[in-house]
Protein backbone atom coordinates (compact mmCIF):
# COMPACT_ATOMS: atom_id res chain seq x y z
CA MET A 1 -32.59 8.10 47.08
CA SER A 2 -35.52 6.73 45.17
CA PRO A 3 -36.82 3.20 45.73
CA GLU A 4 -36.21 2.55 42.02
CA LYS A 5 -32.53 3.46 42.29
CA ASN A 6 -32.18 1.23 45.35
CA LEU A 7 -33.76 -1.64 43.41
CA SER A 8 -31.21 -1.13 40.63
CA ILE A 9 -28.43 -1.43 43.22
CA ALA A 10 -29.99 -4.69 44.48
CA HIS A 11 -30.13 -6.08 40.93
CA ALA A 12 -26.48 -5.12 40.40
CA TRP A 13 -25.67 -6.81 43.70
CA PHE A 14 -27.21 -10.11 42.58
CA GLU A 15 -25.53 -9.90 39.18
CA ALA A 16 -22.10 -9.33 40.77
CA PHE A 17 -22.59 -11.98 43.48
CA ASN A 18 -23.82 -14.68 41.12
CA SER A 19 -20.97 -14.10 38.70
CA HIS A 20 -18.55 -14.10 41.69
CA ASN A 21 -17.29 -10.70 40.48
CA LEU A 22 -15.77 -9.53 43.75
CA GLU A 23 -14.62 -6.11 42.50
CA LYS A 24 -18.04 -5.27 41.08
CA LEU A 25 -19.71 -6.43 44.29
CA LEU A 26 -17.38 -4.37 46.48
CA SER A 27 -17.90 -1.30 44.28
CA LEU A 28 -21.52 -1.19 45.50
CA TYR A 29 -20.41 -0.72 49.10
CA ASP A 30 -19.27 2.31 51.11
CA ASP A 31 -15.65 2.03 52.28
CA ASP A 32 -16.83 1.66 55.91
CA ALA A 33 -19.84 -0.58 55.28
CA MET A 34 -20.83 -3.09 57.93
CA HIS A 35 -22.09 -6.61 57.19
CA PHE A 36 -23.77 -9.16 59.48
CA SER A 37 -24.25 -12.84 58.65
CA PRO A 38 -25.09 -15.85 60.82
CA LYS A 39 -22.68 -17.90 58.70
CA LEU A 40 -19.92 -15.43 59.46
CA LYS A 41 -20.68 -15.85 63.18
CA ILE A 42 -20.38 -19.63 62.83
CA LYS A 43 -17.21 -19.71 60.67
CA HIS A 44 -15.46 -16.84 62.48
CA PRO A 45 -16.92 -16.64 66.00
CA GLU A 46 -14.47 -13.91 67.00
CA THR A 47 -16.40 -11.51 64.69
CA ASN A 48 -19.72 -12.10 66.47
CA GLY A 49 -21.13 -12.18 62.92
CA TYR A 50 -19.96 -8.68 61.90
CA VAL A 51 -17.34 -7.36 59.54
CA THR A 52 -16.67 -3.72 58.75
CA GLY A 53 -15.02 -2.21 55.71
CA LYS A 54 -14.37 -3.32 52.16
CA GLU A 55 -11.22 -5.30 52.96
CA ALA A 56 -13.08 -7.41 55.54
CA LEU A 57 -15.90 -7.91 53.02
CA ARG A 58 -13.35 -8.90 50.39
CA THR A 59 -11.86 -11.53 52.67
CA TRP A 60 -15.26 -12.93 53.64
CA TRP A 61 -16.65 -13.19 50.10
CA GLN A 62 -13.39 -14.38 48.55
CA GLU A 63 -13.40 -17.24 51.05
CA ALA A 64 -16.98 -18.09 50.13
CA PHE A 65 -16.31 -17.96 46.37
CA ASP A 66 -13.13 -20.08 46.73
CA THR A 67 -14.65 -22.77 48.99
CA ILE A 68 -18.19 -22.86 47.48
CA PRO A 69 -17.72 -22.40 43.72
CA SER A 70 -21.36 -23.33 42.95
CA LEU A 71 -22.80 -20.72 45.34
CA ASN A 72 -25.67 -18.91 43.64
CA TYR A 73 -28.68 -16.85 44.74
CA LYS A 74 -32.10 -16.89 43.07
CA VAL A 75 -34.16 -13.78 43.77
CA THR A 76 -37.71 -14.38 44.96
CA SER A 77 -38.70 -10.89 46.12
CA LEU A 78 -37.30 -7.36 46.34
CA THR A 79 -38.99 -4.57 48.32
CA SER A 80 -37.51 -1.09 48.35
CA ASN A 81 -37.98 2.25 50.02
CA PRO A 82 -35.79 5.39 49.96
CA ASP A 83 -33.34 4.01 52.59
CA ARG A 84 -33.12 0.24 52.04
CA VAL A 85 -33.93 -2.86 50.03
CA PHE A 86 -35.34 -5.99 51.58
CA MET A 87 -34.26 -8.99 49.52
CA GLU A 88 -35.54 -12.53 49.69
CA TYR A 89 -33.65 -15.18 47.80
CA ILE A 90 -32.86 -18.87 47.67
CA ARG A 91 -29.27 -19.86 48.44
CA MET A 92 -28.32 -22.71 46.11
CA VAL A 93 -25.19 -24.80 46.47
CA THR A 94 -24.55 -28.10 44.65
CA GLY A 95 -24.99 -30.99 47.05
CA GLU A 96 -26.77 -28.94 49.73
CA SER A 97 -30.43 -28.28 50.41
CA ASP A 98 -31.68 -24.93 49.15
CA MET A 99 -32.01 -22.28 51.89
CA LEU A 100 -34.43 -19.36 52.00
CA VAL A 101 -32.60 -16.19 52.95
CA ALA A 102 -33.62 -12.61 53.71
CA GLU A 103 -31.17 -9.74 53.52
CA VAL A 104 -31.49 -6.02 54.11
CA LEU A 105 -29.27 -3.53 52.29
CA GLU A 106 -29.15 -0.08 53.86
CA ILE A 107 -28.27 2.48 51.18
CA LYS A 108 -27.07 6.07 51.40
CA GLU A 109 -25.81 8.22 48.53
CA ASN A 110 -25.84 5.30 46.06
CA LYS A 111 -23.69 3.02 48.28
CA ILE A 112 -24.56 0.15 50.59
CA ILE A 113 -23.65 1.25 54.11
CA ALA A 114 -24.87 -1.86 55.93
CA SER A 115 -26.16 -5.30 55.10
CA ARG A 116 -27.77 -7.91 57.35
CA VAL A 117 -28.47 -11.55 56.45
CA TYR A 118 -31.20 -13.63 58.12
CA HIS A 119 -31.93 -17.31 57.67
CA GLY A 120 -33.07 -20.29 59.69
């Protein structure tokens, strides 16, 4: 895939996430996609930070949208190549300090096949 197409997927990802549109967000993922997040590891230690498949992603994000209704991401940088997008953004939640986050989306055949979140 082209870096430009991967960037368009990243922009769609932010649009869906920030509007808390779970179906649109999930539509960007492969059915067997894997996701890693340090917050997932903290909240659900039995996962070791990983979930696999759309239903697991649905559960994880629905929980976030339900418990943190002000959750929003502000893009600061997107870098793309034919296989992935490296995203930097600021996690903003009312009443919490902003957090700088990096996330990698691995993309194959117009679908996200893996995503990994990094933050301090």
